[in-house]
PDB file of N, CA and C in Angstrom:
ATOM      1  N   UNK A   1       0.843  -1.183   0.000  1.00  0.00           N
ATOM      2  CA  UNK A   1       0.000   0.000   0.000  1.00  0.00           C
ATOM      3  C   UNK A   1       0.880   1.236   0.000  1.00  0.00           C
ATOM      4  N   UNK A   2       0.676   2.136  -0.959  1.00  0.00           N
ATOM      5  CA  UNK A   2       1.496   3.348  -1.017  1.00  0.00           C
ATOM      6  C   UNK A   2       1.030   4.348   0.030  1.00  0.00           C
ATOM      7  N   UNK A   3       1.947   5.245   0.406  1.00  0.00           N
ATOM      8  CA  UNK A   3       1.598   6.241   1.413  1.00  0.00           C
ATOM      9  C   UNK A   3       0.599   7.253   0.885  1.00  0.00           C
ATOM     10  N   UNK A   4       0.540   7.464  -0.430  1.00  0.00           N
ATOM     11  CA  UNK A   4      -0.399   8.431  -0.980  1.00  0.00           C
ATOM     12  C   UNK A   4      -1.824   7.903  -1.022  1.00  0.00           C
ATOM     13  N   UNK A   5      -2.034   6.594  -0.877  1.00  0.00           N
ATOM     14  CA  UNK A   5      -3.380   6.047  -0.983  1.00  0.00           C
ATOM     15  C   UNK A   5      -4.270   6.447   0.193  1.00  0.00           C
ATOM     16  N   UNK A   6      -3.702   6.928   1.287  1.00  0.00           N
ATOM     17  CA  UNK A   6      -4.522   7.343   2.425  1.00  0.00           C
ATOM     18  C   UNK A   6      -4.972   8.803   2.312  1.00  0.00           C
ATOM     19  N   UNK A   7      -4.593   9.494   1.239  1.00  0.00           N
ATOM     20  CA  UNK A   7      -4.960  10.884   1.024  1.00  0.00           C
ATOM     21  C   UNK A   7      -5.911  11.011  -0.152  1.00  0.00           C
ATOM     22  N   UNK A   8      -6.678  12.095  -0.170  1.00  0.00           N
ATOM     23  CA  UNK A   8      -7.484  12.417  -1.343  1.00  0.00           C
ATOM     24  C   UNK A   8      -6.515  12.773  -2.459  1.00  0.00           C
ATOM     25  N   UNK A   9      -6.734  12.212  -3.627  1.00  0.00           N
ATOM     26  CA  UNK A   9      -5.867  12.488  -4.773  1.00  0.00           C
ATOM     27  C   UNK A   9      -6.618  13.398  -5.743  1.00  0.00           C
ATOM     28  N   UNK A  10      -5.909  14.392  -6.262  1.00  0.00           N
ATOM     29  CA  UNK A  10      -6.471  15.299  -7.253  1.00  0.00           C
ATOM     30  C   UNK A  10      -5.437  15.485  -8.343  1.00  0.00           C
ATOM     31  N   UNK A  11      -5.773  15.113  -9.557  1.00  0.00           N
ATOM     32  CA  UNK A  11      -4.847  15.158 -10.691  1.00  0.00           C
ATOM     33  C   UNK A  11      -3.534  14.444 -10.354  1.00  0.00           C
ATOM     34  N   UNK A  12      -3.639  13.307  -9.672  1.00  0.00           N
ATOM     35  CA  UNK A  12      -2.479  12.474  -9.387  1.00  0.00           C
ATOM     36  C   UNK A  12      -1.597  12.931  -8.237  1.00  0.00           C
ATOM     37  N   UNK A  13      -2.034  13.943  -7.486  1.00  0.00           N
ATOM     38  CA  UNK A  13      -1.238  14.430  -6.353  1.00  0.00           C
ATOM     39  C   UNK A  13      -2.104  14.446  -5.086  1.00  0.00           C
ATOM     40  N   UNK A  14      -1.494  14.181  -3.922  1.00  0.00           N
ATOM     41  CA  UNK A  14      -2.256  14.225  -2.668  1.00  0.00           C
ATOM     42  C   UNK A  14      -2.724  15.647  -2.341  1.00  0.00           C
ATOM     43  N   UNK A  15      -3.932  15.740  -1.788  1.00  0.00           N
ATOM     44  CA  UNK A  15      -4.526  16.992  -1.353  1.00  0.00           C
ATOM     45  C   UNK A  15      -4.928  16.806   0.106  1.00  0.00           C
ATOM     46  N   UNK A  16      -4.317  17.600   0.989  1.00  0.00           N
ATOM     47  CA  UNK A  16      -4.518  17.418   2.427  1.00  0.00           C
ATOM     48  C   UNK A  16      -4.902  18.748   3.052  1.00  0.00           C
ATOM     49  N   UNK A  17      -5.960  18.745   3.864  1.00  0.00           N
ATOM     50  CA  UNK A  17      -6.344  19.942   4.597  1.00  0.00           C
ATOM     51  C   UNK A  17      -6.228  19.660   6.089  1.00  0.00           C
ATOM     52  N   UNK A  18      -5.556  20.590   6.780  1.00  0.00           N
ATOM     53  CA  UNK A  18      -5.460  20.560   8.234  1.00  0.00           C
ATOM     54  C   UNK A  18      -5.883  21.922   8.738  1.00  0.00           C
ATOM     55  N   UNK A  19      -7.092  22.029   9.252  1.00  0.00           N
ATOM     56  CA  UNK A  19      -7.590  23.306   9.735  1.00  0.00           C
ATOM     57  C   UNK A  19      -7.665  24.325   8.613  1.00  0.00           C
ATOM     58  N   UNK A  20      -6.925  25.401   8.746  1.00  0.00           N
ATOM     59  CA  UNK A  20      -6.941  26.477   7.761  1.00  0.00           C
ATOM     60  C   UNK A  20      -5.780  26.367   6.773  1.00  0.00           C
ATOM     61  N   UNK A  21      -5.151  25.219   6.703  1.00  0.00           N
ATOM     62  CA  UNK A  21      -4.026  25.000   5.802  1.00  0.00           C
ATOM     63  C   UNK A  21      -4.337  23.865   4.834  1.00  0.00           C
ATOM     64  N   UNK A  22      -3.983  24.086   3.559  1.00  0.00           N
ATOM     65  CA  UNK A  22      -4.176  23.067   2.532  1.00  0.00           C
ATOM     66  C   UNK A  22      -2.829  22.825   1.852  1.00  0.00           C
ATOM     67  N   UNK A  23      -2.455  21.561   1.745  1.00  0.00           N
ATOM     68  CA  UNK A  23      -1.211  21.172   1.097  1.00  0.00           C
ATOM     69  C   UNK A  23      -1.554  20.327  -0.120  1.00  0.00           C
ATOM     70  N   UNK A  24      -0.868  20.586  -1.233  1.00  0.00           N
ATOM     71  CA  UNK A  24      -1.121  19.848  -2.460  1.00  0.00           C
ATOM     72  C   UNK A  24       0.208  19.514  -3.118  1.00  0.00           C
ATOM     73  N   UNK A  25       0.432  18.241  -3.376  1.00  0.00           N
ATOM     74  CA  UNK A  25       1.638  17.822  -4.077  1.00  0.00           C
ATOM     75  C   UNK A  25       2.291  16.621  -3.426  1.00  0.00           C
ATOM     76  N   UNK A  26       3.245  16.064  -4.149  1.00  0.00           N
ATOM     77  CA  UNK A  26       4.004  14.908  -3.673  1.00  0.00           C
ATOM     78  C   UNK A  26       5.238  15.371  -2.915  1.00  0.00           C
ATOM     79  N   UNK A  27       5.446  14.846  -1.732  1.00  0.00           N
ATOM     80  CA  UNK A  27       6.630  15.209  -0.955  1.00  0.00           C
ATOM     81  C   UNK A  27       7.907  14.699  -1.623  1.00  0.00           C
ATOM     82  N   UNK A  28       7.796  13.772  -2.565  1.00  0.00           N
ATOM     83  CA  UNK A  28       8.957  13.291  -3.315  1.00  0.00           C
ATOM     84  C   UNK A  28       9.379  14.282  -4.405  1.00  0.00           C
ATOM     85  N   UNK A  29       8.490  15.223  -4.755  1.00  0.00           N
ATOM     86  CA  UNK A  29       8.826  16.260  -5.739  1.00  0.00           C
ATOM     87  C   UNK A  29       9.642  17.352  -5.052  1.00  0.00           C
ATOM     88  N   UNK A  30      10.210  18.239  -5.861  1.00  0.00           N
ATOM     89  CA  UNK A  30      11.041  19.318  -5.317  1.00  0.00           C
ATOM     90  C   UNK A  30      10.210  20.393  -4.619  1.00  0.00           C
ATOM     91  N   UNK A  31       8.937  20.578  -5.056  1.00  0.00           N
ATOM     92  CA  UNK A  31       8.083  21.632  -4.511  1.00  0.00           C
ATOM     93  C   UNK A  31       6.677  21.117  -4.247  1.00  0.00           C
ATOM     94  N   UNK A  32       5.974  21.801  -3.337  1.00  0.00           N
ATOM     95  CA  UNK A  32       4.557  21.553  -3.084  1.00  0.00           C
ATOM     96  C   UNK A  32       3.826  22.895  -3.051  1.00  0.00           C
ATOM     97  N   UNK A  33       2.509  22.835  -3.150  1.00  0.00           N
ATOM     98  CA  UNK A  33       1.664  24.017  -3.040  1.00  0.00           C
ATOM     99  C   UNK A  33       1.095  24.077  -1.632  1.00  0.00           C
ATOM    100  N   UNK A  34       1.171  25.259  -1.019  1.00  0.00           N
ATOM    101  CA  UNK A  34       0.574  25.504   0.286  1.00  0.00           C
ATOM    102  C   UNK A  34      -0.440  26.626   0.135  1.00  0.00           C
ATOM    103  N   UNK A  35      -1.651  26.403   0.626  1.00  0.00           N
ATOM    104  CA  UNK A  35      -2.686  27.430   0.653  1.00  0.00           C
ATOM    105  C   UNK A  35      -3.057  27.687   2.106  1.00  0.00           C
ATOM    106  N   UNK A  36      -2.975  28.931   2.519  1.00  0.00           N
ATOM    107  CA  UNK A  36      -3.345  29.314   3.879  1.00  0.00           C
ATOM    108  C   UNK A  36      -4.623  30.129   3.841  1.00  0.00           C
ATOM    109  N   UNK A  37      -5.670  29.640   4.494  1.00  0.00           N
ATOM    110  CA  UNK A  37      -6.945  30.359   4.535  1.00  0.00           C
ATOM    111  C   UNK A  37      -6.815  31.451   5.589  1.00  0.00           C
ATOM    112  N   UNK A  38      -6.790  32.700   5.119  1.00  0.00           N
ATOM    113  CA  UNK A  38      -6.570  33.838   6.007  1.00  0.00           C
ATOM    114  C   UNK A  38      -7.882  34.354   6.605  1.00  0.00           C
ATOM    115  N   UNK A  39      -8.939  34.396   5.785  1.00  0.00           N
ATOM    116  CA  UNK A  39     -10.254  34.828   6.260  1.00  0.00           C
ATOM    117  C   UNK A  39     -11.326  33.966   5.613  1.00  0.00           C
ATOM    118  N   UNK A  40     -12.497  33.966   6.240  1.00  0.00           N
ATOM    119  CA  UNK A  40     -13.665  33.283   5.681  1.00  0.00           C
ATOM    120  C   UNK A  40     -14.817  34.286   5.602  1.00  0.00           C
ATOM    121  N   UNK A  41     -15.833  33.927   4.837  1.00  0.00           N
ATOM    122  CA  UNK A  41     -17.047  34.741   4.774  1.00  0.00           C
ATOM    123  C   UNK A  41     -18.244  33.806   4.783  1.00  0.00           C
ATOM    124  N   UNK A  42     -19.389  34.349   5.142  1.00  0.00           N
ATOM    125  CA  UNK A  42     -20.596  33.545   5.201  1.00  0.00           C
ATOM    126  C   UNK A  42     -21.321  33.591   3.857  1.00  0.00           C
ATOM    127  N   UNK A  43     -21.632  32.413   3.342  1.00  0.00           N
ATOM    128  CA  UNK A  43     -22.403  32.281   2.104  1.00  0.00           C
ATOM    129  C   UNK A  43     -23.501  31.256   2.368  1.00  0.00           C
ATOM    130  N   UNK A  44     -24.735  31.667   2.251  1.00  0.00           N
ATOM    131  CA  UNK A  44     -25.880  30.776   2.495  1.00  0.00           C
ATOM    132  C   UNK A  44     -25.778  30.072   3.847  1.00  0.00           C
ATOM    133  N   UNK A  45     -25.362  30.812   4.857  1.00  0.00           N
ATOM    134  CA  UNK A  45     -25.294  30.266   6.208  1.00  0.00           C
ATOM    135  C   UNK A  45     -24.070  29.415   6.504  1.00  0.00           C
ATOM    136  N   UNK A  46     -23.138  29.303   5.577  1.00  0.00           N
ATOM    137  CA  UNK A  46     -21.916  28.498   5.774  1.00  0.00           C
ATOM    138  C   UNK A  46     -20.698  29.391   5.647  1.00  0.00           C
ATOM    139  N   UNK A  47     -19.658  29.091   6.427  1.00  0.00           N
ATOM    140  CA  UNK A  47     -18.391  29.798   6.329  1.00  0.00           C
ATOM    141  C   UNK A  47     -17.562  29.180   5.203  1.00  0.00           C
ATOM    142  N   UNK A  48     -17.145  30.017   4.253  1.00  0.00           N
ATOM    143  CA  UNK A  48     -16.324  29.543   3.136  1.00  0.00           C
ATOM    144  C   UNK A  48     -15.033  30.359   3.086  1.00  0.00           C
ATOM    145  N   UNK A  49     -13.938  29.752   2.608  1.00  0.00           N
ATOM    146  CA  UNK A  49     -12.671  30.481   2.504  1.00  0.00           C
ATOM    147  C   UNK A  49     -12.806  31.712   1.625  1.00  0.00           C
ATOM    148  N   UNK A  50     -12.171  32.818   2.049  1.00  0.00           N
ATOM    149  CA  UNK A  50     -12.235  34.066   1.287  1.00  0.00           C
ATOM    150  C   UNK A  50     -10.837  34.493   0.856  1.00  0.00           C
ATOM    151  N   UNK A  51     -10.055  35.104   1.737  1.00  0.00           N
ATOM    152  CA  UNK A  51      -8.677  35.494   1.406  1.00  0.00           C
ATOM    153  C   UNK A  51      -7.754  34.301   1.588  1.00  0.00           C
ATOM    154  N   UNK A  52      -7.026  33.957   0.532  1.00  0.00           N
ATOM    155  CA  UNK A  52      -6.164  32.783   0.543  1.00  0.00           C
ATOM    156  C   UNK A  52      -4.732  33.186   0.205  1.00  0.00           C
ATOM    157  N   UNK A  53      -3.778  32.792   1.039  1.00  0.00           N
ATOM    158  CA  UNK A  53      -2.364  32.981   0.741  1.00  0.00           C
ATOM    159  C   UNK A  53      -1.893  31.765  -0.052  1.00  0.00           C
ATOM    160  N   UNK A  54      -1.158  32.006  -1.124  1.00  0.00           N
ATOM    161  CA  UNK A  54      -0.643  30.944  -1.985  1.00  0.00           C
ATOM    162  C   UNK A  54       0.875  30.924  -1.856  1.00  0.00           C
ATOM    163  N   UNK A  55       1.449  29.745  -1.624  1.00  0.00           N
ATOM    164  CA  UNK A  55       2.904  29.615  -1.580  1.00  0.00           C
ATOM    165  C   UNK A  55       3.332  28.352  -2.303  1.00  0.00           C
ATOM    166  N   UNK A  56       4.435  28.471  -3.035  1.00  0.00           N
ATOM    167  CA  UNK A  56       5.125  27.292  -3.540  1.00  0.00           C
ATOM    168  C   UNK A  56       6.312  27.110  -2.597  1.00  0.00           C
ATOM    169  N   UNK A  57       6.375  25.953  -1.948  1.00  0.00           N
ATOM    170  CA  UNK A  57       7.410  25.688  -0.956  1.00  0.00           C
ATOM    171  C   UNK A  57       8.297  24.536  -1.404  1.00  0.00           C
ATOM    172  N   UNK A  58       9.564  24.643  -1.032  1.00  0.00           N
ATOM    173  CA  UNK A  58      10.507  23.556  -1.261  1.00  0.00           C
ATOM    174  C   UNK A  58      10.170  22.415  -0.311  1.00  0.00           C
ATOM    175  N   UNK A  59      10.370  21.189  -0.762  1.00  0.00           N
ATOM    176  CA  UNK A  59      10.173  20.034   0.120  1.00  0.00           C
ATOM    177  C   UNK A  59      11.452  19.686   0.873  1.00  0.00           C
ATOM    178  N   UNK A  60      12.527  20.450   0.641  1.00  0.00           N
ATOM    179  CA  UNK A  60      13.766  20.254   1.400  1.00  0.00           C
ATOM    180  C   UNK A  60      13.503  20.614   2.863  1.00  0.00           C
ATOM    181  N   UNK A  61      14.427  20.267   3.716  1.00  0.00           N
ATOM    182  CA  UNK A  61      14.264  20.467   5.157  1.00  0.00           C
ATOM    183  C   UNK A  61      13.970  21.917   5.535  1.00  0.00           C
ATOM    184  N   UNK A  62      14.448  22.882   4.751  1.00  0.00           N
ATOM    185  CA  UNK A  62      14.239  24.294   5.086  1.00  0.00           C
ATOM    186  C   UNK A  62      12.854  24.821   4.686  1.00  0.00           C
ATOM    187  N   UNK A  63      12.104  24.101   3.857  1.00  0.00           N
ATOM    188  CA  UNK A  63      10.775  24.500   3.370  1.00  0.00           C
ATOM    189  C   UNK A  63      10.773  25.931   2.834  1.00  0.00           C
ATOM    190  N   UNK A  64      11.821  26.276   2.119  1.00  0.00           N
ATOM    191  CA  UNK A  64      11.966  27.623   1.556  1.00  0.00           C
ATOM    192  C   UNK A  64      10.779  27.972   0.658  1.00  0.00           C
ATOM    193  N   UNK A  65      10.288  29.204   0.800  1.00  0.00           N
ATOM    194  CA  UNK A  65       9.182  29.685  -0.027  1.00  0.00           C
ATOM    195  C   UNK A  65       9.769  30.204  -1.341  1.00  0.00           C
ATOM    196  N   UNK A  66       9.303  29.645  -2.457  1.00  0.00           N
ATOM    197  CA  UNK A  66       9.802  29.975  -3.781  1.00  0.00           C
ATOM    198  C   UNK A  66       8.970  31.090  -4.418  1.00  0.00           C
ATOM    199  N   UNK A  67       7.673  31.048  -4.200  1.00  0.00           N
ATOM    200  CA  UNK A  67       6.769  32.036  -4.785  1.00  0.00           C
ATOM    201  C   UNK A  67       5.602  32.224  -3.827  1.00  0.00           C
ATOM    202  N   UNK A  68       5.103  33.466  -3.737  1.00  0.00           N
ATOM    203  CA  UNK A  68       3.994  33.756  -2.821  1.00  0.00           C
ATOM    204  C   UNK A  68       3.022  34.732  -3.471  1.00  0.00           C
ATOM    205  N   UNK A  69       1.752  34.586  -3.134  1.00  0.00           N
ATOM    206  CA  UNK A  69       0.728  35.489  -3.648  1.00  0.00           C
ATOM    207  C   UNK A  69      -0.527  35.375  -2.807  1.00  0.00           C
ATOM    208  N   UNK A  70      -1.558  36.081  -3.212  1.00  0.00           N
ATOM    209  CA  UNK A  70      -2.827  36.075  -2.482  1.00  0.00           C
ATOM    210  C   UNK A  70      -3.963  36.203  -3.481  1.00  0.00           C
ATOM    211  N   UNK A  71      -5.019  35.452  -3.259  1.00  0.00           N
ATOM    212  CA  UNK A  71      -6.210  35.510  -4.110  1.00  0.00           C
ATOM    213  C   UNK A  71      -7.453  35.459  -3.229  1.00  0.00           C
ATOM    214  N   UNK A  72      -8.569  35.898  -3.799  1.00  0.00           N
ATOM    215  CA  UNK A  72      -9.859  35.775  -3.126  1.00  0.00           C
ATOM    216  C   UNK A  72     -10.561  34.541  -3.646  1.00  0.00           C
ATOM    217  N   UNK A  73     -10.986  33.698  -2.733  1.00  0.00           N
ATOM    218  CA  UNK A  73     -11.705  32.488  -3.091  1.00  0.00           C
ATOM    219  C   UNK A  73     -10.786  31.298  -3.276  1.00  0.00           C
ATOM    220  N   UNK A  74     -11.226  30.181  -2.759  1.00  0.00           N
ATOM    221  CA  UNK A  74     -10.419  28.967  -2.792  1.00  0.00           C
ATOM    222  C   UNK A  74     -10.195  28.459  -4.210  1.00  0.00           C
ATOM    223  N   UNK A  75     -11.217  28.515  -5.050  1.00  0.00           N
ATOM    224  CA  UNK A  75     -11.079  28.007  -6.414  1.00  0.00           C
ATOM    225  C   UNK A  75      -9.986  28.759  -7.168  1.00  0.00           C
ATOM    226  N   UNK A  76     -10.062  30.096  -7.151  1.00  0.00           N
ATOM    227  CA  UNK A  76      -9.081  30.899  -7.880  1.00  0.00           C
ATOM    228  C   UNK A  76      -7.672  30.684  -7.319  1.00  0.00           C
ATOM    229  N   UNK A  77      -7.550  30.652  -5.996  1.00  0.00           N
ATOM    230  CA  UNK A  77      -6.240  30.450  -5.370  1.00  0.00           C
ATOM    231  C   UNK A  77      -5.663  29.085  -5.742  1.00  0.00           C
ATOM    232  N   UNK A  78      -6.488  28.058  -5.725  1.00  0.00           N
ATOM    233  CA  UNK A  78      -6.011  26.708  -6.037  1.00  0.00           C
ATOM    234  C   UNK A  78      -5.591  26.604  -7.500  1.00  0.00           C
ATOM    235  N   UNK A  79      -6.364  27.201  -8.395  1.00  0.00           N
ATOM    236  CA  UNK A  79      -6.016  27.149  -9.817  1.00  0.00           C
ATOM    237  C   UNK A  79      -4.706  27.888 -10.092  1.00  0.00           C
ATOM    238  N   UNK A  80      -4.536  29.082  -9.528  1.00  0.00           N
ATOM    239  CA  UNK A  80      -3.275  29.809  -9.683  1.00  0.00           C
ATOM    240  C   UNK A  80      -2.128  28.986  -9.099  1.00  0.00           C
ATOM    241  N   UNK A  81      -2.329  28.465  -7.912  1.00  0.00           N
ATOM    242  CA  UNK A  81      -1.292  27.688  -7.248  1.00  0.00           C
ATOM    243  C   UNK A  81      -0.887  26.463  -8.040  1.00  0.00           C
ATOM    244  N   UNK A  82      -1.846  25.774  -8.632  1.00  0.00           N
ATOM    245  CA  UNK A  82      -1.528  24.586  -9.444  1.00  0.00           C
ATOM    246  C   UNK A  82      -0.674  24.966 -10.645  1.00  0.00           C
ATOM    247  N   UNK A  83      -0.993  26.077 -11.295  1.00  0.00           N
ATOM    248  CA  UNK A  83      -0.193  26.529 -12.445  1.00  0.00           C
ATOM    249  C   UNK A  83       1.221  26.849 -11.981  1.00  0.00           C
ATOM    250  N   UNK A  84       1.342  27.577 -10.865  1.00  0.00           N
ATOM    251  CA  UNK A  84       2.669  27.914 -10.333  1.00  0.00           C
ATOM    252  C   UNK A  84       3.454  26.650 -10.001  1.00  0.00           C
ATOM    253  N   UNK A  85       2.787  25.690  -9.357  1.00  0.00           N
ATOM    254  CA  UNK A  85       3.459  24.444  -8.974  1.00  0.00           C
ATOM    255  C   UNK A  85       3.934  23.695 -10.218  1.00  0.00           C
ATOM    256  N   UNK A  86       3.079  23.540 -11.197  1.00  0.00           N
ATOM    257  CA  UNK A  86       3.452  22.837 -12.427  1.00  0.00           C
ATOM    258  C   UNK A  86       4.632  23.525 -13.115  1.00  0.00           C
ATOM    259  N   UNK A  87       4.615  24.855 -13.141  1.00  0.00           N
ATOM    260  CA  UNK A  87       5.706  25.616 -13.758  1.00  0.00           C
ATOM    261  C   UNK A  87       7.025  25.370 -13.032  1.00  0.00           C
ATOM    262  N   UNK A  88       7.016  25.429 -11.709  1.00  0.00           N
ATOM    263  CA  UNK A  88       8.243  25.217 -10.930  1.00  0.00           C
ATOM    264  C   UNK A  88       8.744  23.781 -11.054  1.00  0.00           C
ATOM    265  N   UNK A  89       7.833  22.815 -11.085  1.00  0.00           N
ATOM    266  CA  UNK A  89       8.238  21.420 -11.206  1.00  0.00           C
ATOM    267  C   UNK A  89       8.847  21.151 -12.588  1.00  0.00           C
ATOM    268  N   UNK A  90       8.394  21.828 -13.613  1.00  0.00           N
ATOM    269  CA  UNK A  90       8.976  21.662 -14.953  1.00  0.00           C
ATOM    270  C   UNK A  90      10.383  22.220 -15.011  1.00  0.00           C
ATOM    271  N   UNK A  91      10.657  23.267 -14.230  1.00  0.00           N
ATOM    272  CA  UNK A  91      11.998  23.872 -14.184  1.00  0.00           C
ATOM    273  C   UNK A  91      12.976  22.979 -13.426  1.00  0.00           C
ATOM    274  N   UNK A  92      12.472  22.204 -12.475  1.00  0.00           N
ATOM    275  CA  UNK A  92      13.341  21.416 -11.580  1.00  0.00           C
ATOM    276  C   UNK A  92      14.063  20.293 -12.301  1.00  0.00           C
TER     277      UNK A  92
END
């Protein structure tokens, strides 16, 4: 059994949420995507992510931040982050 099988997979990469933090990517790759939910807003009686910090982080021991940005809404932040991650992984 692979270690990734215990996680939700999206486009072949693990997607993990812990509280207000979302991690996307393989730890065996050089970089991963980190999304930090900074604020939420109420929509139809439910709290949904609003301001999202986007980071591409190194998987090395130092977890160096390679690229950082901010978007409104989880969908937009995740889509931008995926493009950034794919771009950095192609350079590696």
